[in-house]
Protein backbone atom coordinates (compact mmCIF):
# COMPACT_ATOMS: atom_id res chain seq x y z
CA UNK A 1 -0.03 0.00 0.05
CA UNK A 2 1.03 3.35 -1.20
CA UNK A 3 0.00 7.02 0.01
CA UNK A 4 -2.33 8.38 -2.48
CA UNK A 5 -1.89 12.13 -2.32
CA UNK A 6 -5.42 13.28 -3.63
CA UNK A 7 -7.58 10.49 -1.75
CA UNK A 8 -5.08 11.11 1.52
CA UNK A 9 -5.53 7.14 1.53
CA UNK A 10 -2.76 4.09 1.32
CA UNK A 11 -4.01 2.43 -1.54
CA UNK A 12 -2.57 -1.19 -3.37
CA UNK A 13 -0.20 0.16 -5.39
CA UNK A 14 1.36 -3.20 -6.52
CA UNK A 15 0.72 -6.74 -5.47
CA UNK A 16 1.67 -10.36 -6.46
CA UNK A 17 -1.08 -13.35 -6.56
CA UNK A 18 -3.65 -10.91 -5.95
CA UNK A 19 -7.03 -10.07 -8.04
CA UNK A 20 -6.19 -7.15 -9.72
CA UNK A 21 -9.62 -5.85 -9.25
CA UNK A 22 -8.75 -5.80 -5.89
CA UNK A 23 -9.13 -2.37 -4.34
CA UNK A 24 -8.80 -1.76 -0.85
CA UNK A 25 -7.76 1.43 1.12
CA UNK A 26 -6.52 1.93 4.12
CA UNK A 27 -6.52 5.79 6.38
CA UNK A 28 -3.34 6.77 7.04
CA UNK A 29 -4.90 8.03 10.23
CA UNK A 30 -5.64 4.35 11.24
CA UNK A 31 -4.50 3.44 15.30
CA UNK A 32 -3.55 0.00 13.78
CA UNK A 33 -0.57 2.12 11.21
CA UNK A 34 0.13 4.30 13.62
CA UNK A 35 0.87 1.26 15.95
CA UNK A 36 2.76 -0.42 13.28
CA UNK A 37 4.45 2.82 12.57
CA UNK A 38 5.94 2.82 16.01
CA UNK A 39 6.99 -0.97 15.99
CA UNK A 40 9.89 -0.46 13.65
CA UNK A 41 9.98 -3.69 12.94
CA UNK A 42 7.94 -6.79 10.94
CA UNK A 43 4.99 -7.85 12.52
CA UNK A 44 3.43 -11.34 12.32
CA UNK A 45 -0.51 -11.56 12.01
CA UNK A 46 -0.57 -13.83 14.88
CA UNK A 47 0.92 -10.78 17.17
CA UNK A 48 -1.82 -8.29 16.41
CA UNK A 49 -5.13 -9.99 15.76
CA UNK A 50 -6.20 -9.37 19.41
CA UNK A 51 -4.74 -6.03 19.97
CA UNK A 52 -7.02 -3.11 20.30
CA UNK A 53 -5.34 -1.21 17.10
CA UNK A 54 -6.20 -4.31 14.70
CA UNK A 55 -9.89 -4.10 16.13
CA UNK A 56 -10.12 -0.34 15.75
CA UNK A 57 -9.56 -0.94 11.77
CA UNK A 58 -13.27 -0.82 9.82
CA UNK A 59 -14.45 -4.30 9.65
CA UNK A 60 -14.47 -3.87 6.16
CA UNK A 61 -10.85 -3.49 6.45
CA UNK A 62 -9.85 -6.38 8.83
CA UNK A 63 -11.90 -8.67 6.72
CA UNK A 64 -10.21 -7.70 3.64
CA UNK A 65 -6.37 -8.01 5.03
CA UNK A 66 -7.48 -11.55 6.29
CA UNK A 67 -9.00 -12.64 3.28
CA UNK A 68 -5.95 -11.71 1.99
CA UNK A 69 -3.92 -14.56 4.21
CA UNK A 70 -1.91 -11.64 4.93
CA UNK A 71 1.24 -13.01 7.86
CA UNK A 72 3.38 -10.29 8.14
CA UNK A 73 3.31 -6.27 8.09
CA UNK A 74 6.15 -3.71 7.94
CA UNK A 75 4.88 0.01 8.16
CA UNK A 76 7.25 2.28 6.26
CA UNK A 77 7.42 5.96 7.43
CA UNK A 78 9.28 8.73 6.18
CA UNK A 79 8.99 11.90 7.80
CA UNK A 80 6.18 12.15 10.62
CA UNK A 81 3.96 9.98 8.59
CA UNK A 82 2.93 5.98 7.26
CA UNK A 83 3.31 6.72 3.37
CA UNK A 84 3.25 3.52 2.67
CA UNK A 85 2.37 -0.75 4.34
CA UNK A 86 4.00 -3.54 3.42
CA UNK A 87 1.85 -6.64 3.67
CA UNK A 88 3.12 -9.75 2.89
CA UNK A 89 0.67 -13.01 2.55
CA UNK A 90 1.50 -16.60 3.36
CA UNK A 91 4.15 -18.94 2.06
CA UNK A 92 4.00 -21.67 -0.36
CA UNK A 93 3.20 -24.46 1.56
CA UNK A 94 2.00 -22.36 4.17
CA UNK A 95 5.45 -22.66 5.90
CA UNK A 96 6.13 -20.06 8.70
CA UNK A 97 8.46 -16.98 7.76
CA UNK A 98 12.28 -17.47 8.90
CA UNK A 99 13.82 -14.90 11.72
CA UNK A 100 16.10 -14.00 8.57
CA UNK A 101 13.22 -13.58 6.11
CA UNK A 102 11.67 -11.15 8.42
CA UNK A 103 15.04 -9.38 9.05
CA UNK A 104 15.37 -9.11 5.28
CA UNK A 105 12.06 -7.70 4.96
CA UNK A 106 12.67 -4.90 7.40
CA UNK A 107 15.71 -4.00 5.85
CA UNK A 108 14.10 -3.87 2.68
CA UNK A 109 11.03 -1.84 3.77
CA UNK A 110 13.60 1.00 5.53
CA UNK A 111 15.67 1.03 2.07
CA UNK A 112 12.45 1.44 0.48
CA UNK A 113 11.24 4.07 2.97
CA UNK A 114 14.41 6.04 2.34
CA UNK A 115 14.37 6.16 -1.22
CA UNK A 116 10.43 7.29 -0.98
CA UNK A 117 11.64 9.96 1.36
CA UNK A 118 13.85 10.99 -1.58
CA UNK A 119 11.81 11.00 -4.17
CA UNK A 120 9.17 13.01 -1.92
CA UNK A 121 12.31 15.65 -1.28
CA UNK A 122 12.88 15.64 -5.07
CA UNK A 123 9.67 16.47 -5.84
CA UNK A 124 9.00 19.07 -3.38
CA UNK A 125 12.59 20.55 -4.69
CA UNK A 126 10.99 20.67 -8.32
CA UNK A 127 8.02 22.50 -6.68
CA UNK A 128 9.92 24.58 -5.28
CA UNK A 129 12.07 25.35 -8.41
CA UNK A 130 8.59 25.96 -10.32
CA UNK A 131 7.47 28.32 -8.06
CA UNK A 132 11.08 30.34 -8.08
CA UNK A 133 11.11 30.63 -11.91
CA UNK A 134 7.56 31.96 -11.73
CA UNK A 135 8.36 34.39 -9.58
CA UNK A 136 11.75 35.61 -10.72
CA UNK A 137 8.93 36.04 -14.25
CA UNK A 138 6.79 38.14 -12.27
CA UNK A 139 9.54 40.08 -10.58
CA UNK A 140 10.98 40.50 -14.06
CA UNK A 141 7.46 41.75 -15.28
CA UNK A 142 6.76 44.13 -12.54
CA UNK A 143 10.20 45.58 -12.86
CA UNK A 144 9.22 46.14 -16.53
CA UNK A 145 6.08 47.74 -15.72
CA UNK A 146 7.55 50.21 -13.65
CA UNK A 147 10.14 51.49 -16.30
CA UNK A 148 6.97 51.98 -18.13
CA UNK A 149 5.08 53.57 -15.73
CA UNK A 150 8.39 55.49 -14.97
CA UNK A 151 9.10 56.64 -18.71
CA UNK A 152 5.08 57.31 -19.10
CA UNK A 153 5.09 59.46 -15.76
CA UNK A 154 7.74 61.14 -17.32
CA UNK A 155 6.48 61.91 -20.47
CA UNK A 156 3.11 63.03 -18.93
CA UNK A 157 4.90 65.66 -17.13
CA UNK A 158 7.13 66.65 -20.47
CA UNK A 159 3.35 67.25 -22.12
CA UNK A 160 1.71 68.91 -19.12
CA UNK A 161 5.05 71.46 -19.58
CA UNK A 162 4.44 71.97 -22.98
CA UNK A 163 0.86 72.23 -22.30
CA UNK A 164 0.89 75.21 -19.91
CA UNK A 165 3.86 76.93 -21.69
CA UNK A 166 1.01 76.72 -24.96
CA UNK A 167 -1.76 77.90 -22.48
CA UNK A 168 0.26 80.62 -21.21
CA UNK A 169 1.26 82.14 -24.85
CA UNK A 170 -2.17 81.68 -26.16
CA UNK A 171 -3.51 83.94 -22.85
CA UNK A 172 -0.65 86.22 -23.94
CA UNK A 173 -1.90 86.65 -27.44
CA UNK A 174 -5.49 86.77 -26.26
CA UNK A 175 -5.00 90.30 -24.39
């Protein structure tokens, strides 16, 4: 599950051996996800089934995760938010995962979190570059408009001076 920013939900981003039409989402503010994020380790399904955080998940989400045969959960946090959740199903033959396999998954999850954080920072940097470029264009336009305004003002003053001189001459001729 990855965070879908426009929906502000964790949605299935990639799956193996799961029906492609599967479309479940999780709220990033879920107490279950918050608890997983605090664990900083791979958590087995057996550990969490009776926890209040698991029971706090909406029934549909709990049932869907159970139906998928989820056996291991790893929360991936970048910054202060749960940005992703790696869910691992049953092994072939329903064998249990070894401690070494769980440690490998944990390492994979931490590396994925780092990559996601780098991608997020890169995206923010691109946005800031675009904003800076736009601000520079607006500043250049503003500078041009100021110069044009000053030129118009100077021209208007010259025209006003000329009109005063003409008016003075016309007044002198009419007398």
